[in-house]
Amino acid sequence: MGDSEKVSITLDRELLAEARRYGGGNLSGWIGAAVHDRVLLERAREFLADEETELGPIPQELRDEVRRKWASR
């Protein structure tokens, strides 16, 4: 992913407790992976918005198919 930079964040205590639980002793790595996943999601949203601007709306049946496949993962 490149160079690392130490940052300070503030989280809700309950959310932090769950992140520590799921992080398996590597909270920084777990949060980094979560941020990475969110960045990929936002890039995909930007891509789809650009495609819709250029090509028109995505058909509802295709949206439904993608949602079903996504939910089954």
PDB file of N, CA and C in Angstrom:
ATOM      1  N   MET A   1       0.803  -1.197   0.000  1.00  0.00           N
ATOM      2  CA  MET A   1       0.000   0.000   0.000  1.00  0.00           C
ATOM      3  C   MET A   1       0.843   1.258   0.000  1.00  0.00           C
ATOM      4  N   GLY A   2       2.085   1.157   0.314  1.00  0.00           N
ATOM      5  CA  GLY A   2       2.940   2.341   0.313  1.00  0.00           C
ATOM      6  C   GLY A   2       3.423   2.677   1.697  1.00  0.00           C
ATOM      7  N   ASP A   3       3.908   3.892   1.818  1.00  0.00           N
ATOM      8  CA  ASP A   3       4.407   4.350   3.111  1.00  0.00           C
ATOM      9  C   ASP A   3       3.269   4.494   4.105  1.00  0.00           C
ATOM     10  N   SER A   4       3.604   4.301   5.375  1.00  0.00           N
ATOM     11  CA  SER A   4       2.612   4.445   6.440  1.00  0.00           C
ATOM     12  C   SER A   4       2.783   5.789   7.122  1.00  0.00           C
ATOM     13  N   GLU A   5       1.694   6.269   7.678  1.00  0.00           N
ATOM     14  CA  GLU A   5       1.716   7.489   8.464  1.00  0.00           C
ATOM     15  C   GLU A   5       0.849   7.273   9.687  1.00  0.00           C
ATOM     16  N   LYS A   6       1.369   7.626  10.832  1.00  0.00           N
ATOM     17  CA  LYS A   6       0.615   7.480  12.068  1.00  0.00           C
ATOM     18  C   LYS A   6      -0.398   8.614  12.175  1.00  0.00           C
ATOM     19  N   VAL A   7      -1.647   8.256  12.511  1.00  0.00           N
ATOM     20  CA  VAL A   7      -2.707   9.244  12.679  1.00  0.00           C
ATOM     21  C   VAL A   7      -3.440   8.970  13.985  1.00  0.00           C
ATOM     22  N   SER A   8      -4.154   9.954  14.425  1.00  0.00           N
ATOM     23  CA  SER A   8      -4.982   9.816  15.616  1.00  0.00           C
ATOM     24  C   SER A   8      -6.434   9.913  15.198  1.00  0.00           C
ATOM     25  N   ILE A   9      -7.275   8.962  15.648  1.00  0.00           N
ATOM     26  CA  ILE A   9      -8.696   9.000  15.333  1.00  0.00           C
ATOM     27  C   ILE A   9      -9.498   8.858  16.619  1.00  0.00           C
ATOM     28  N   THR A  10     -10.718   9.309  16.568  1.00  0.00           N
ATOM     29  CA  THR A  10     -11.621   9.178  17.703  1.00  0.00           C
ATOM     30  C   THR A  10     -12.765   8.269  17.288  1.00  0.00           C
ATOM     31  N   LEU A  11     -13.003   7.234  18.096  1.00  0.00           N
ATOM     32  CA  LEU A  11     -14.074   6.288  17.813  1.00  0.00           C
ATOM     33  C   LEU A  11     -14.985   6.161  19.023  1.00  0.00           C
ATOM     34  N   ASP A  12     -16.225   5.853  18.760  1.00  0.00           N
ATOM     35  CA  ASP A  12     -17.165   5.517  19.811  1.00  0.00           C
ATOM     36  C   ASP A  12     -16.608   4.318  20.592  1.00  0.00           C
ATOM     37  N   ARG A  13     -16.717   4.333  21.899  1.00  0.00           N
ATOM     38  CA  ARG A  13     -16.127   3.275  22.732  1.00  0.00           C
ATOM     39  C   ARG A  13     -16.628   1.880  22.372  1.00  0.00           C
ATOM     40  N   GLU A  14     -17.928   1.765  22.133  1.00  0.00           N
ATOM     41  CA  GLU A  14     -18.476   0.445  21.788  1.00  0.00           C
ATOM     42  C   GLU A  14     -17.947  -0.031  20.433  1.00  0.00           C
ATOM     43  N   LEU A  15     -17.860   0.881  19.484  1.00  0.00           N
ATOM     44  CA  LEU A  15     -17.322   0.534  18.175  1.00  0.00           C
ATOM     45  C   LEU A  15     -15.853   0.123  18.286  1.00  0.00           C
ATOM     46  N   LEU A  16     -15.099   0.850  19.090  1.00  0.00           N
ATOM     47  CA  LEU A  16     -13.690   0.521  19.305  1.00  0.00           C
ATOM     48  C   LEU A  16     -13.542  -0.855  19.933  1.00  0.00           C
ATOM     49  N   ALA A  17     -14.390  -1.169  20.903  1.00  0.00           N
ATOM     50  CA  ALA A  17     -14.323  -2.486  21.552  1.00  0.00           C
ATOM     51  C   ALA A  17     -14.563  -3.599  20.532  1.00  0.00           C
ATOM     52  N   GLU A  18     -15.524  -3.395  19.651  1.00  0.00           N
ATOM     53  CA  GLU A  18     -15.789  -4.411  18.631  1.00  0.00           C
ATOM     54  C   GLU A  18     -14.638  -4.501  17.639  1.00  0.00           C
ATOM     55  N   ALA A  19     -14.076  -3.364  17.249  1.00  0.00           N
ATOM     56  CA  ALA A  19     -12.940  -3.378  16.324  1.00  0.00           C
ATOM     57  C   ALA A  19     -11.769  -4.133  16.946  1.00  0.00           C
ATOM     58  N   ARG A  20     -11.525  -3.914  18.209  1.00  0.00           N
ATOM     59  CA  ARG A  20     -10.443  -4.648  18.885  1.00  0.00           C
ATOM     60  C   ARG A  20     -10.736  -6.142  18.897  1.00  0.00           C
ATOM     61  N   ARG A  21     -11.986  -6.481  19.139  1.00  0.00           N
ATOM     62  CA  ARG A  21     -12.374  -7.903  19.160  1.00  0.00           C
ATOM     63  C   ARG A  21     -12.119  -8.558  17.804  1.00  0.00           C
ATOM     64  N   TYR A  22     -12.559  -7.896  16.742  1.00  0.00           N
ATOM     65  CA  TYR A  22     -12.415  -8.473  15.410  1.00  0.00           C
ATOM     66  C   TYR A  22     -11.014  -8.291  14.838  1.00  0.00           C
ATOM     67  N   GLY A  23     -10.279  -7.345  15.369  1.00  0.00           N
ATOM     68  CA  GLY A  23      -8.942  -7.069  14.862  1.00  0.00           C
ATOM     69  C   GLY A  23      -7.911  -8.126  15.200  1.00  0.00           C
ATOM     70  N   GLY A  24      -8.231  -8.993  16.130  1.00  0.00           N
ATOM     71  CA  GLY A  24      -7.332 -10.099  16.463  1.00  0.00           C
ATOM     72  C   GLY A  24      -5.953  -9.660  16.904  1.00  0.00           C
ATOM     73  N   GLY A  25      -5.875  -8.593  17.661  1.00  0.00           N
ATOM     74  CA  GLY A  25      -4.581  -8.139  18.157  1.00  0.00           C
ATOM     75  C   GLY A  25      -3.848  -7.183  17.232  1.00  0.00           C
ATOM     76  N   ASN A  26      -4.413  -6.916  16.062  1.00  0.00           N
ATOM     77  CA  ASN A  26      -3.782  -5.992  15.124  1.00  0.00           C
ATOM     78  C   ASN A  26      -4.798  -4.916  14.737  1.00  0.00           C
ATOM     79  N   LEU A  27      -5.118  -4.058  15.681  1.00  0.00           N
ATOM     80  CA  LEU A  27      -6.134  -3.031  15.453  1.00  0.00           C
ATOM     81  C   LEU A  27      -5.769  -2.131  14.280  1.00  0.00           C
ATOM     82  N   SER A  28      -4.525  -1.694  14.204  1.00  0.00           N
ATOM     83  CA  SER A  28      -4.112  -0.816  13.106  1.00  0.00           C
ATOM     84  C   SER A  28      -4.302  -1.492  11.755  1.00  0.00           C
ATOM     85  N   GLY A  29      -3.898  -2.739  11.662  1.00  0.00           N
ATOM     86  CA  GLY A  29      -4.057  -3.472  10.408  1.00  0.00           C
ATOM     87  C   GLY A  29      -5.513  -3.663  10.041  1.00  0.00           C
ATOM     88  N   TRP A  30      -6.325  -3.957  11.039  1.00  0.00           N
ATOM     89  CA  TRP A  30      -7.747  -4.184  10.800  1.00  0.00           C
ATOM     90  C   TRP A  30      -8.422  -2.897  10.334  1.00  0.00           C
ATOM     91  N   ILE A  31      -8.130  -1.787  11.007  1.00  0.00           N
ATOM     92  CA  ILE A  31      -8.711  -0.504  10.606  1.00  0.00           C
ATOM     93  C   ILE A  31      -8.188  -0.100   9.231  1.00  0.00           C
ATOM     94  N   GLY A  32      -6.913  -0.335   8.979  1.00  0.00           N
ATOM     95  CA  GLY A  32      -6.360  -0.034   7.657  1.00  0.00           C
ATOM     96  C   GLY A  32      -7.060  -0.813   6.563  1.00  0.00           C
ATOM     97  N   ALA A  33      -7.338  -2.088   6.811  1.00  0.00           N
ATOM     98  CA  ALA A  33      -8.049  -2.902   5.823  1.00  0.00           C
ATOM     99  C   ALA A  33      -9.471  -2.389   5.622  1.00  0.00           C
ATOM    100  N   ALA A  34     -10.128  -1.967   6.709  1.00  0.00           N
ATOM    101  CA  ALA A  34     -11.487  -1.435   6.598  1.00  0.00           C
ATOM    102  C   ALA A  34     -11.498  -0.138   5.783  1.00  0.00           C
ATOM    103  N   VAL A  35     -10.523   0.722   6.018  1.00  0.00           N
ATOM    104  CA  VAL A  35     -10.429   1.970   5.257  1.00  0.00           C
ATOM    105  C   VAL A  35     -10.150   1.657   3.793  1.00  0.00           C
ATOM    106  N   HIS A  36      -9.279   0.705   3.545  1.00  0.00           N
ATOM    107  CA  HIS A  36      -8.974   0.294   2.171  1.00  0.00           C
ATOM    108  C   HIS A  36     -10.241  -0.179   1.460  1.00  0.00           C
ATOM    109  N   ASP A  37     -11.024  -1.029   2.125  1.00  0.00           N
ATOM    110  CA  ASP A  37     -12.267  -1.522   1.534  1.00  0.00           C
ATOM    111  C   ASP A  37     -13.220  -0.373   1.224  1.00  0.00           C
ATOM    112  N   ARG A  38     -13.304   0.594   2.129  1.00  0.00           N
ATOM    113  CA  ARG A  38     -14.205   1.734   1.921  1.00  0.00           C
ATOM    114  C   ARG A  38     -13.732   2.596   0.758  1.00  0.00           C
ATOM    115  N   VAL A  39     -12.427   2.777   0.622  1.00  0.00           N
ATOM    116  CA  VAL A  39     -11.888   3.541  -0.505  1.00  0.00           C
ATOM    117  C   VAL A  39     -12.254   2.848  -1.824  1.00  0.00           C
ATOM    118  N   LEU A  40     -12.121   1.525  -1.874  1.00  0.00           N
ATOM    119  CA  LEU A  40     -12.492   0.797  -3.088  1.00  0.00           C
ATOM    120  C   LEU A  40     -13.973   0.966  -3.402  1.00  0.00           C
ATOM    121  N   LEU A  41     -14.816   0.936  -2.363  1.00  0.00           N
ATOM    122  CA  LEU A  41     -16.245   1.132  -2.551  1.00  0.00           C
ATOM    123  C   LEU A  41     -16.546   2.523  -3.114  1.00  0.00           C
ATOM    124  N   GLU A  42     -15.895   3.530  -2.558  1.00  0.00           N
ATOM    125  CA  GLU A  42     -16.120   4.900  -3.037  1.00  0.00           C
ATOM    126  C   GLU A  42     -15.624   5.075  -4.469  1.00  0.00           C
ATOM    127  N   ARG A  43     -14.501   4.448  -4.814  1.00  0.00           N
ATOM    128  CA  ARG A  43     -14.018   4.501  -6.197  1.00  0.00           C
ATOM    129  C   ARG A  43     -15.031   3.871  -7.146  1.00  0.00           C
ATOM    130  N   ALA A  44     -15.609   2.737  -6.714  1.00  0.00           N
ATOM    131  CA  ALA A  44     -16.615   2.060  -7.543  1.00  0.00           C
ATOM    132  C   ALA A  44     -17.838   2.946  -7.721  1.00  0.00           C
ATOM    133  N   ARG A  45     -18.256   3.621  -6.652  1.00  0.00           N
ATOM    134  CA  ARG A  45     -19.409   4.530  -6.756  1.00  0.00           C
ATOM    135  C   ARG A  45     -19.119   5.671  -7.730  1.00  0.00           C
ATOM    136  N   GLU A  46     -17.908   6.234  -7.660  1.00  0.00           N
ATOM    137  CA  GLU A  46     -17.531   7.301  -8.588  1.00  0.00           C
ATOM    138  C   GLU A  46     -17.532   6.795 -10.031  1.00  0.00           C
ATOM    139  N   PHE A  47     -16.978   5.602 -10.226  1.00  0.00           N
ATOM    140  CA  PHE A  47     -16.940   5.010 -11.561  1.00  0.00           C
ATOM    141  C   PHE A  47     -18.350   4.836 -12.114  1.00  0.00           C
ATOM    142  N   LEU A  48     -19.247   4.266 -11.302  1.00  0.00           N
ATOM    143  CA  LEU A  48     -20.614   4.043 -11.761  1.00  0.00           C
ATOM    144  C   LEU A  48     -21.332   5.355 -12.057  1.00  0.00           C
ATOM    145  N   ALA A  49     -21.106   6.362 -11.232  1.00  0.00           N
ATOM    146  CA  ALA A  49     -21.726   7.670 -11.479  1.00  0.00           C
ATOM    147  C   ALA A  49     -21.230   8.251 -12.797  1.00  0.00           C
ATOM    148  N   ASP A  50     -19.933   8.124 -13.052  1.00  0.00           N
ATOM    149  CA  ASP A  50     -19.371   8.619 -14.318  1.00  0.00           C
ATOM    150  C   ASP A  50     -19.958   7.853 -15.507  1.00  0.00           C
ATOM    151  N   GLU A  51     -20.066   6.529 -15.370  1.00  0.00           N
ATOM    152  CA  GLU A  51     -20.619   5.715 -16.445  1.00  0.00           C
ATOM    153  C   GLU A  51     -22.077   6.072 -16.702  1.00  0.00           C
ATOM    154  N   GLU A  52     -22.837   6.294 -15.638  1.00  0.00           N
ATOM    155  CA  GLU A  52     -24.239   6.658 -15.821  1.00  0.00           C
ATOM    156  C   GLU A  52     -24.373   8.023 -16.495  1.00  0.00           C
ATOM    157  N   THR A  53     -23.476   8.927 -16.154  1.00  0.00           N
ATOM    158  CA  THR A  53     -23.496  10.245 -16.803  1.00  0.00           C
ATOM    159  C   THR A  53     -23.242  10.102 -18.296  1.00  0.00           C
ATOM    160  N   GLU A  54     -22.316   9.218 -18.637  1.00  0.00           N
ATOM    161  CA  GLU A  54     -21.945   9.050 -20.040  1.00  0.00           C
ATOM    162  C   GLU A  54     -22.922   8.165 -20.817  1.00  0.00           C
ATOM    163  N   LEU A  55     -23.384   7.070 -20.178  1.00  0.00           N
ATOM    164  CA  LEU A  55     -24.162   6.059 -20.905  1.00  0.00           C
ATOM    165  C   LEU A  55     -25.629   5.989 -20.528  1.00  0.00           C
ATOM    166  N   GLY A  56     -26.019   6.683 -19.479  1.00  0.00           N
ATOM    167  CA  GLY A  56     -27.407   6.616 -19.030  1.00  0.00           C
ATOM    168  C   GLY A  56     -27.540   5.701 -17.821  1.00  0.00           C
ATOM    169  N   PRO A  57     -28.734   5.664 -17.243  1.00  0.00           N
ATOM    170  CA  PRO A  57     -28.961   4.893 -16.021  1.00  0.00           C
ATOM    171  C   PRO A  57     -28.720   3.392 -16.202  1.00  0.00           C
ATOM    172  N   ILE A  58     -28.255   2.779 -15.141  1.00  0.00           N
ATOM    173  CA  ILE A  58     -28.083   1.326 -15.123  1.00  0.00           C
ATOM    174  C   ILE A  58     -29.472   0.708 -14.970  1.00  0.00           C
ATOM    175  N   PRO A  59     -29.827  -0.266 -15.822  1.00  0.00           N
ATOM    176  CA  PRO A  59     -31.156  -0.875 -15.732  1.00  0.00           C
ATOM    177  C   PRO A  59     -31.416  -1.489 -14.349  1.00  0.00           C
ATOM    178  N   GLN A  60     -32.647  -1.366 -13.867  1.00  0.00           N
ATOM    179  CA  GLN A  60     -32.999  -1.858 -12.540  1.00  0.00           C
ATOM    180  C   GLN A  60     -32.760  -3.359 -12.406  1.00  0.00           C
ATOM    181  N   GLU A  61     -33.039  -4.131 -13.455  1.00  0.00           N
ATOM    182  CA  GLU A  61     -32.835  -5.582 -13.364  1.00  0.00           C
ATOM    183  C   GLU A  61     -31.357  -5.920 -13.162  1.00  0.00           C
ATOM    184  N   LEU A  62     -30.465  -5.153 -13.764  1.00  0.00           N
ATOM    185  CA  LEU A  62     -29.031  -5.366 -13.558  1.00  0.00           C
ATOM    186  C   LEU A  62     -28.638  -4.984 -12.135  1.00  0.00           C
ATOM    187  N   ARG A  63     -29.189  -3.885 -11.636  1.00  0.00           N
ATOM    188  CA  ARG A  63     -28.928  -3.485 -10.246  1.00  0.00           C
ATOM    189  C   ARG A  63     -29.379  -4.578  -9.284  1.00  0.00           C
ATOM    190  N   ASP A  64     -30.578  -5.126  -9.538  1.00  0.00           N
ATOM    191  CA  ASP A  64     -31.111  -6.184  -8.670  1.00  0.00           C
ATOM    192  C   ASP A  64     -30.230  -7.427  -8.715  1.00  0.00           C
ATOM    193  N   GLU A  65     -29.755  -7.787  -9.898  1.00  0.00           N
ATOM    194  CA  GLU A  65     -28.880  -8.955 -10.045  1.00  0.00           C
ATOM    195  C   GLU A  65     -27.581  -8.776  -9.258  1.00  0.00           C
ATOM    196  N   VAL A  66     -26.997  -7.600  -9.374  1.00  0.00           N
ATOM    197  CA  VAL A  66     -25.750  -7.326  -8.649  1.00  0.00           C
ATOM    198  C   VAL A  66     -25.995  -7.375  -7.145  1.00  0.00           C
ATOM    199  N   ARG A  67     -27.090  -6.795  -6.671  1.00  0.00           N
ATOM    200  CA  ARG A  67     -27.405  -6.831  -5.233  1.00  0.00           C
ATOM    201  C   ARG A  67     -27.562  -8.271  -4.739  1.00  0.00           C
ATOM    202  N   ARG A  68     -28.245  -9.111  -5.514  1.00  0.00           N
ATOM    203  CA  ARG A  68     -28.413 -10.520  -5.129  1.00  0.00           C
ATOM    204  C   ARG A  68     -27.056 -11.227  -5.045  1.00  0.00           C
ATOM    205  N   LYS A  69     -26.206 -11.010  -6.029  1.00  0.00           N
ATOM    206  CA  LYS A  69     -24.890 -11.643  -6.021  1.00  0.00           C
ATOM    207  C   LYS A  69     -24.055 -11.134  -4.850  1.00  0.00           C
ATOM    208  N   TRP A  70     -24.144  -9.826  -4.590  1.00  0.00           N
ATOM    209  CA  TRP A  70     -23.385  -9.227  -3.491  1.00  0.00           C
ATOM    210  C   TRP A  70     -23.857  -9.812  -2.156  1.00  0.00           C
ATOM    211  N   ALA A  71     -25.163  -9.933  -1.976  1.00  0.00           N
ATOM    212  CA  ALA A  71     -25.725 -10.437  -0.720  1.00  0.00           C
ATOM    213  C   ALA A  71     -25.390 -11.906  -0.490  1.00  0.00           C
ATOM    214  N   SER A  72     -25.178 -12.649  -1.551  1.00  0.00           N
ATOM    215  CA  SER A  72     -24.907 -14.087  -1.398  1.00  0.00           C
ATOM    216  C   SER A  72     -23.456 -14.379  -1.039  1.00  0.00           C
ATOM    217  N   ARG A  73     -22.617 -13.361  -1.018  1.00  0.00           N
ATOM    218  CA  ARG A  73     -21.193 -13.558  -0.685  1.00  0.00           C
ATOM    219  C   ARG A  73     -20.996 -13.735   0.780  1.00  0.00           C
TER     220      ARG A  73
END
